[in-house]
């Protein structure tokens, strides 16, 4: 008998046993109210909202995993299609890739490939001397990581979208670098995928290796993650800012890495201090009482009369990797609701409901 109620067309919700490094634990043994968690997952999987999957992990073991059919499309596709999701099927993670780039910056700093986060961004781009005004030279790598470069940028909502322009520009790094200065760097949060593109390009320049290869050898392979794709833009260039596709249970490995302060199975992959810095909120985002660290969103969830801080990698369409350190809890959510803000908010609500199912 399945652990959770079945969604129509979906496989069992009990976590699959695959040769990918994960073990599983019964919800009650992991400290959950099993009936409540069962109900939350069943409602999510049987509802009309276009959610595709959920993975719940605690103390290093998978507690719940459920998938179903749903309509989906890749970032460069004009049309959606019906797809059956499961534990071995990649899903668009979109801007979760930004959080991956943030982790890679920490690795490069530890290796001495990058020197300091307060390095001016233009130090990496001597080929653009015409951009070297004092105001633009004040923008640092740290400002890119915190979405606070001060560069004028419009992304999402109505009107021309600067993120879309990145996909067809012949020299895409020039587009964000050349935008007008709209605010003092570090003073205002403004979501900017161009900053993630620049951070990935800086990794390539600092390490002497394509950032996709650096991600594979320095982060994914140590975690046993082998099934990863970076969708290309209209000129075939991998998109760090929106192109990531991976299995949800591999997304949970990234969450576990963060919960364990950058360690995986006893090996330090990302410096612990960098994890702390990445999850430290610096500016309010203006989106539902959330803050922002270094390519990681932050917030709080109610639990037994307390507000516990969480951090998360967000991706358009309802993609989420939530980590709640005080409960040692990771929740991954995938969906196909691209550009649908109410569903993004609903994904956050589901996470908060799952938190309430933790008894101890």
Protein backbone atom coordinates (compact mmCIF):
# COMPACT_ATOMS: atom_id res chain seq x y z
CA UNK A 1 0.00 0.00 0.00
CA UNK A 2 1.47 3.42 -0.93
CA UNK A 3 2.52 5.71 1.86
CA UNK A 4 0.52 8.61 0.45
CA UNK A 5 -2.64 8.86 -1.59
CA UNK A 6 -2.15 8.43 -5.32
CA UNK A 7 -2.48 11.29 -7.78
CA UNK A 8 -4.06 10.25 -11.05
CA UNK A 9 -1.33 8.96 -13.35
CA UNK A 10 1.37 9.39 -10.69
CA UNK A 11 3.77 6.75 -9.29
CA UNK A 12 3.87 5.84 -5.61
CA UNK A 13 4.72 8.65 -3.23
CA UNK A 14 7.03 6.50 -1.12
CA UNK A 15 10.59 7.55 -2.05
CA UNK A 16 12.15 5.33 -4.69
CA UNK A 17 15.29 3.39 -3.89
CA UNK A 18 17.76 4.20 -6.64
CA UNK A 19 21.53 3.91 -6.78
CA UNK A 20 22.00 7.63 -6.32
CA UNK A 21 23.16 7.88 -2.72
CA UNK A 22 19.77 8.38 -1.06
CA UNK A 23 18.28 6.28 1.70
CA UNK A 24 14.69 6.70 2.90
CA UNK A 25 13.00 7.01 6.26
CA UNK A 26 9.40 6.59 7.37
CA UNK A 27 7.78 9.94 8.20
CA UNK A 28 6.97 9.06 11.81
CA UNK A 29 10.54 7.94 12.47
CA UNK A 30 11.76 11.20 10.93
CA UNK A 31 9.62 13.24 13.34
CA UNK A 32 6.58 14.00 11.16
CA UNK A 33 2.88 13.76 11.83
CA UNK A 34 2.49 11.09 9.16
CA UNK A 35 -1.22 11.60 8.55
CA UNK A 36 -0.81 15.35 8.16
CA UNK A 37 2.14 15.02 5.80
CA UNK A 38 0.20 12.39 3.83
CA UNK A 39 -2.72 14.77 3.47
CA UNK A 40 -0.59 17.71 2.34
CA UNK A 41 1.15 15.69 -0.35
CA UNK A 42 -2.08 14.07 -1.51
CA UNK A 43 -3.87 17.41 -1.80
CA UNK A 44 -0.94 18.85 -3.74
CA UNK A 45 -0.74 15.93 -6.15
CA UNK A 46 -4.52 15.64 -6.66
CA UNK A 47 -5.19 19.37 -7.00
CA UNK A 48 -5.84 21.35 -10.15
CA UNK A 49 -2.74 23.51 -9.79
CA UNK A 50 0.00 22.47 -12.20
CA UNK A 51 2.39 21.04 -9.59
CA UNK A 52 4.57 18.23 -10.86
CA UNK A 53 6.44 16.88 -7.89
CA UNK A 54 7.56 17.16 -4.29
CA UNK A 55 10.50 15.70 -2.38
CA UNK A 56 10.73 15.93 1.41
CA UNK A 57 14.10 15.19 3.03
CA UNK A 58 15.15 15.29 6.67
CA UNK A 59 18.32 14.32 8.51
CA UNK A 60 19.89 13.13 5.27
CA UNK A 61 17.11 10.73 4.23
CA UNK A 62 14.16 10.99 1.88
CA UNK A 63 10.84 11.00 3.72
CA UNK A 64 8.37 11.63 0.89
CA UNK A 65 8.52 11.79 -2.88
CA UNK A 66 5.61 12.15 -5.29
CA UNK A 67 5.18 13.03 -8.97
CA UNK A 68 2.42 13.21 -11.54
CA UNK A 69 1.68 14.16 -15.12
CA UNK A 70 1.53 17.83 -15.95
CA UNK A 71 1.87 20.37 -18.72
CA UNK A 72 5.38 21.74 -19.08
CA UNK A 73 7.66 23.60 -21.45
CA UNK A 74 11.37 24.42 -21.59
CA UNK A 75 12.44 28.03 -21.35
CA UNK A 76 12.89 28.37 -25.14
CA UNK A 77 9.67 26.58 -26.09
CA UNK A 78 6.54 28.44 -27.16
CA UNK A 79 4.21 25.53 -26.45
CA UNK A 80 3.64 23.30 -23.44
CA UNK A 81 3.29 19.54 -23.61
CA UNK A 82 1.99 16.83 -21.31
CA UNK A 83 4.73 14.93 -19.53
CA UNK A 84 4.84 12.17 -16.93
CA UNK A 85 7.31 13.09 -14.20
CA UNK A 86 9.08 10.66 -11.91
CA UNK A 87 12.19 10.15 -9.78
CA UNK A 88 14.45 9.69 -12.82
CA UNK A 89 13.04 12.50 -14.98
CA UNK A 90 14.78 15.86 -15.27
CA UNK A 91 12.69 18.96 -14.63
CA UNK A 92 13.26 22.57 -15.56
CA UNK A 93 14.73 24.22 -12.48
CA UNK A 94 15.10 27.61 -14.19
CA UNK A 95 16.62 30.16 -11.79
CA UNK A 96 17.65 27.51 -9.29
CA UNK A 97 20.74 27.64 -11.49
CA UNK A 98 21.54 31.03 -9.98
CA UNK A 99 21.90 29.41 -6.56
CA UNK A 100 24.21 26.82 -8.11
CA UNK A 101 26.38 29.64 -9.47
CA UNK A 102 26.45 31.14 -5.98
CA UNK A 103 27.79 27.88 -4.54
CA UNK A 104 30.43 27.75 -7.28
CA UNK A 105 31.63 31.24 -6.40
CA UNK A 106 32.24 30.01 -2.86
CA UNK A 107 34.24 27.05 -4.17
CA UNK A 108 36.31 29.31 -6.43
CA UNK A 109 37.07 31.63 -3.51
CA UNK A 110 38.22 28.67 -1.40
CA UNK A 111 40.48 27.50 -4.22
CA UNK A 112 41.99 30.95 -4.64
CA UNK A 113 40.63 31.25 -8.18
CA UNK A 114 38.65 34.26 -7.05
CA UNK A 115 40.25 36.59 -4.52
CA UNK A 116 37.49 38.67 -2.94
CA UNK A 117 33.77 39.25 -3.36
CA UNK A 118 34.32 42.99 -3.20
CA UNK A 119 36.35 42.89 -6.43
CA UNK A 120 34.93 45.39 -8.94
CA UNK A 121 33.10 43.57 -11.71
CA UNK A 122 34.81 45.64 -14.38
CA UNK A 123 38.20 44.28 -13.25
CA UNK A 124 37.17 41.13 -15.12
CA UNK A 125 36.27 43.06 -18.30
CA UNK A 126 39.23 45.19 -19.43
CA UNK A 127 37.95 44.86 -23.01
CA UNK A 128 35.23 47.41 -22.21
CA UNK A 129 37.21 50.54 -21.18
CA UNK A 130 34.34 52.78 -22.28
CA UNK A 131 32.27 51.43 -19.36
CA UNK A 132 34.80 52.25 -16.66
CA UNK A 133 33.03 55.21 -15.05
CA UNK A 134 33.47 55.68 -11.28
CA UNK A 135 29.80 54.80 -10.71
CA UNK A 136 30.03 51.56 -12.68
CA UNK A 137 33.39 50.62 -11.17
CA UNK A 138 31.73 50.68 -7.76
CA UNK A 139 29.74 47.56 -8.68
CA UNK A 140 31.33 44.45 -7.18
CA UNK A 141 30.87 40.71 -7.50
CA UNK A 142 29.08 40.83 -4.14
CA UNK A 143 26.51 43.20 -5.57
CA UNK A 144 25.80 40.75 -8.41
CA UNK A 145 25.31 37.92 -5.92
CA UNK A 146 22.90 40.03 -3.86
CA UNK A 147 20.85 41.40 -6.78
CA UNK A 148 21.88 44.90 -5.71
CA UNK A 149 24.15 46.11 -8.54
CA UNK A 150 22.15 49.30 -8.97
CA UNK A 151 22.01 48.75 -12.73
CA UNK A 152 18.72 49.58 -14.44
CA UNK A 153 16.99 46.29 -15.18
CA UNK A 154 13.43 45.18 -15.88
CA UNK A 155 12.58 41.50 -15.57
CA UNK A 156 9.14 39.94 -15.36
CA UNK A 157 5.79 41.66 -15.51
CA UNK A 158 4.68 43.93 -18.32
CA UNK A 159 6.90 45.53 -20.93
CA UNK A 160 10.25 44.60 -22.51
CA UNK A 161 12.15 42.02 -20.48
CA UNK A 162 15.91 42.41 -20.11
CA UNK A 163 16.33 38.70 -19.33
CA UNK A 164 14.94 37.78 -22.74
CA UNK A 165 17.43 40.10 -24.42
CA UNK A 166 20.29 38.07 -22.91
CA UNK A 167 19.18 35.07 -24.96
CA UNK A 168 19.96 36.60 -28.35
CA UNK A 169 22.61 39.28 -27.74
CA UNK A 170 25.85 38.52 -29.61
CA UNK A 171 27.86 39.66 -26.56
CA UNK A 172 25.42 39.01 -23.72
CA UNK A 173 27.74 40.18 -20.91
CA UNK A 174 27.76 43.67 -22.40
CA UNK A 175 24.02 44.13 -22.00
CA UNK A 176 23.90 44.14 -18.16
CA UNK A 177 27.28 45.86 -17.85
CA UNK A 178 26.19 48.76 -20.05
CA UNK A 179 22.82 49.42 -18.43
CA UNK A 180 22.38 52.87 -16.83
CA UNK A 181 23.02 53.27 -13.12
CA UNK A 182 19.68 53.48 -11.34
CA UNK A 183 20.71 53.19 -7.67
CA UNK A 184 23.76 53.17 -5.44
CA UNK A 185 25.22 49.64 -5.54
CA UNK A 186 24.22 47.64 -2.48
CA UNK A 187 21.25 49.85 -1.59
CA UNK A 188 18.28 48.39 -3.50
CA UNK A 189 17.21 44.85 -4.40
CA UNK A 190 16.33 44.48 -8.08
CA UNK A 191 16.07 40.99 -9.54
CA UNK A 192 18.60 40.80 -12.37
CA UNK A 193 19.39 37.64 -14.33
CA UNK A 194 22.16 39.57 -16.06
CA UNK A 195 24.03 39.54 -12.76
CA UNK A 196 23.93 35.73 -12.70
CA UNK A 197 25.14 35.59 -16.31
CA UNK A 198 28.05 37.85 -15.34
CA UNK A 199 28.87 35.79 -12.23
CA UNK A 200 29.02 32.61 -14.33
CA UNK A 201 31.18 34.32 -16.93
CA UNK A 202 33.48 35.61 -14.17
CA UNK A 203 33.85 32.01 -12.95
CA UNK A 204 34.99 31.02 -16.44
CA UNK A 205 37.48 33.89 -16.58
CA UNK A 206 38.81 33.25 -13.06
CA UNK A 207 39.12 29.46 -13.32
CA UNK A 208 40.17 29.20 -16.95
CA UNK A 209 37.45 26.58 -17.49
CA UNK A 210 33.89 26.81 -18.82
CA UNK A 211 31.59 27.37 -15.89
CA UNK A 212 29.50 24.35 -16.93
CA UNK A 213 32.56 22.10 -16.64
CA UNK A 214 33.50 23.73 -13.33
CA UNK A 215 30.01 23.01 -12.02
CA UNK A 216 30.22 19.41 -13.14
CA UNK A 217 33.62 18.58 -11.62
CA UNK A 218 33.59 20.77 -8.49
CA UNK A 219 29.95 20.46 -7.39
CA UNK A 220 27.77 17.95 -9.19
CA UNK A 221 30.12 14.97 -9.47
CA UNK A 222 31.16 15.12 -5.78
CA UNK A 223 27.43 14.92 -4.94
CA UNK A 224 26.87 11.99 -7.27
CA UNK A 225 24.75 14.14 -9.60
CA UNK A 226 25.25 13.03 -13.19
CA UNK A 227 21.98 13.84 -14.96
CA UNK A 228 22.15 17.60 -15.49
CA UNK A 229 21.41 19.81 -18.48
CA UNK A 230 21.90 23.53 -19.06
CA UNK A 231 19.51 24.67 -21.79
CA UNK A 232 21.12 26.91 -24.39
CA UNK A 233 19.96 30.36 -25.49
CA UNK A 234 19.00 31.18 -29.09
CA UNK A 235 22.68 31.00 -30.06
CA UNK A 236 23.26 27.71 -28.24
CA UNK A 237 25.10 29.13 -25.20
CA UNK A 238 24.24 27.45 -21.85
CA UNK A 239 22.17 29.76 -19.67
CA UNK A 240 23.34 29.92 -16.06
CA UNK A 241 20.47 32.22 -15.15
CA UNK A 242 17.50 30.15 -16.33
CA UNK A 243 18.64 27.00 -18.16
CA UNK A 244 19.17 24.41 -15.42
CA UNK A 245 17.38 21.06 -15.73
CA UNK A 246 17.88 18.29 -13.18
CA UNK A 247 16.06 15.61 -11.18
CA UNK A 248 14.17 16.90 -8.11
CA UNK A 249 15.87 14.34 -5.86
CA UNK A 250 19.22 15.75 -7.07
CA UNK A 251 17.94 19.21 -6.23
CA UNK A 252 17.42 17.82 -2.73
CA UNK A 253 21.13 16.94 -2.63
CA UNK A 254 21.91 20.63 -3.07
CA UNK A 255 19.58 21.35 -0.17
CA UNK A 256 21.27 18.73 2.00
CA UNK A 257 24.68 20.18 1.09
CA UNK A 258 23.53 23.56 2.35
CA UNK A 259 21.99 22.10 5.51
CA UNK A 260 25.27 20.32 6.27
CA UNK A 261 27.24 23.57 5.94
CA UNK A 262 28.77 22.65 2.59
CA UNK A 263 29.68 19.06 3.47
CA UNK A 264 28.58 15.92 1.64
CA UNK A 265 29.30 12.50 3.10
CA UNK A 266 32.18 13.87 5.15
CA UNK A 267 33.77 15.92 2.37
CA UNK A 268 33.78 19.72 2.46
CA UNK A 269 32.54 20.77 -1.00
CA UNK A 270 31.63 24.40 -0.29
CA UNK A 271 33.21 26.38 2.58
CA UNK A 272 30.97 26.50 5.64
CA UNK A 273 31.56 30.25 5.98
CA UNK A 274 30.33 30.74 2.41
CA UNK A 275 27.12 28.86 3.13
CA UNK A 276 26.54 31.14 6.12
CA UNK A 277 27.23 34.24 4.03
CA UNK A 278 24.95 33.03 1.21
CA UNK A 279 22.00 32.44 3.54
CA UNK A 280 22.38 35.73 5.43
CA UNK A 281 19.61 38.14 4.35
CA UNK A 282 20.95 41.51 3.27
CA UNK A 283 18.07 43.30 1.55
CA UNK A 284 14.30 42.90 1.56
CA UNK A 285 12.95 41.84 -1.83
CA UNK A 286 9.45 43.30 -1.70
CA UNK A 287 8.05 39.83 -2.44
CA UNK A 288 5.97 38.40 0.41
CA UNK A 289 8.27 39.41 3.26
CA UNK A 290 11.32 37.66 1.83
CA UNK A 291 14.95 38.69 1.94
CA UNK A 292 17.95 37.87 -0.20
CA UNK A 293 21.47 36.61 0.46
CA UNK A 294 23.92 35.51 -2.25
CA UNK A 295 21.62 34.05 -4.94
CA UNK A 296 19.48 32.50 -2.17
CA UNK A 297 16.10 33.80 -1.00
CA UNK A 298 15.35 33.96 2.72
CA UNK A 299 12.27 34.05 4.94
CA UNK A 300 10.67 32.53 8.02
CA UNK A 301 8.09 29.81 8.68
CA UNK A 302 5.93 29.33 11.76
CA UNK A 303 6.57 26.21 13.84
CA UNK A 304 5.22 25.57 17.35
CA UNK A 305 4.80 29.27 18.06
CA UNK A 306 8.23 30.25 16.70
CA UNK A 307 9.32 31.77 13.41
CA UNK A 308 12.17 29.70 12.01
CA UNK A 309 14.41 31.12 9.27
CA UNK A 310 14.57 29.34 5.94
CA UNK A 311 16.53 29.85 2.74
CA UNK A 312 15.61 28.76 -0.75
CA UNK A 313 16.60 28.52 -4.37
CA UNK A 314 13.68 29.80 -6.46
CA UNK A 315 12.93 29.14 -10.13
CA UNK A 316 10.18 30.51 -12.34
CA UNK A 317 7.12 28.29 -12.54
CA UNK A 318 7.13 27.09 -8.93
CA UNK A 319 10.58 25.46 -8.73
CA UNK A 320 11.87 25.44 -5.15
CA UNK A 321 14.65 24.08 -2.95
CA UNK A 322 13.71 25.09 0.60
CA UNK A 323 16.08 24.48 3.51
CA UNK A 324 15.12 25.08 7.13
CA UNK A 325 18.29 24.61 9.23
CA UNK A 326 16.68 24.50 12.70
CA UNK A 327 14.57 21.52 11.64
CA UNK A 328 17.28 20.03 9.38
CA UNK A 329 14.61 19.93 6.68
CA UNK A 330 14.72 20.23 2.89
CA UNK A 331 11.64 20.45 0.64
CA UNK A 332 11.85 20.44 -3.16
CA UNK A 333 8.84 21.46 -5.26
CA UNK A 334 8.50 21.44 -9.05
CA UNK A 335 5.70 22.82 -11.21
CA UNK A 336 4.90 24.09 -14.68
CA UNK A 337 3.28 27.41 -13.83
CA UNK A 338 5.75 29.72 -15.58
CA UNK A 339 5.01 33.38 -15.06
CA UNK A 340 2.10 32.59 -12.71
CA UNK A 341 2.77 34.49 -9.49
CA UNK A 342 -0.20 33.00 -7.56
CA UNK A 343 1.24 29.50 -8.06
CA UNK A 344 4.65 30.68 -6.91
CA UNK A 345 3.01 31.91 -3.74
CA UNK A 346 1.11 28.63 -3.40
CA UNK A 347 4.38 26.69 -3.57
CA UNK A 348 5.61 28.72 -0.62
CA UNK A 349 2.38 27.98 1.25
CA UNK A 350 2.83 24.25 0.68
CA UNK A 351 6.31 24.45 2.16
CA UNK A 352 4.98 26.21 5.24
CA UNK A 353 2.28 23.55 5.61
CA UNK A 354 4.89 20.78 5.41
CA UNK A 355 6.83 22.56 8.17
CA UNK A 356 3.75 22.37 10.39
CA UNK A 357 3.67 18.58 9.93
CA UNK A 358 7.01 18.27 11.72
CA UNK A 359 6.26 17.20 15.30
CA UNK A 360 9.76 17.13 16.77
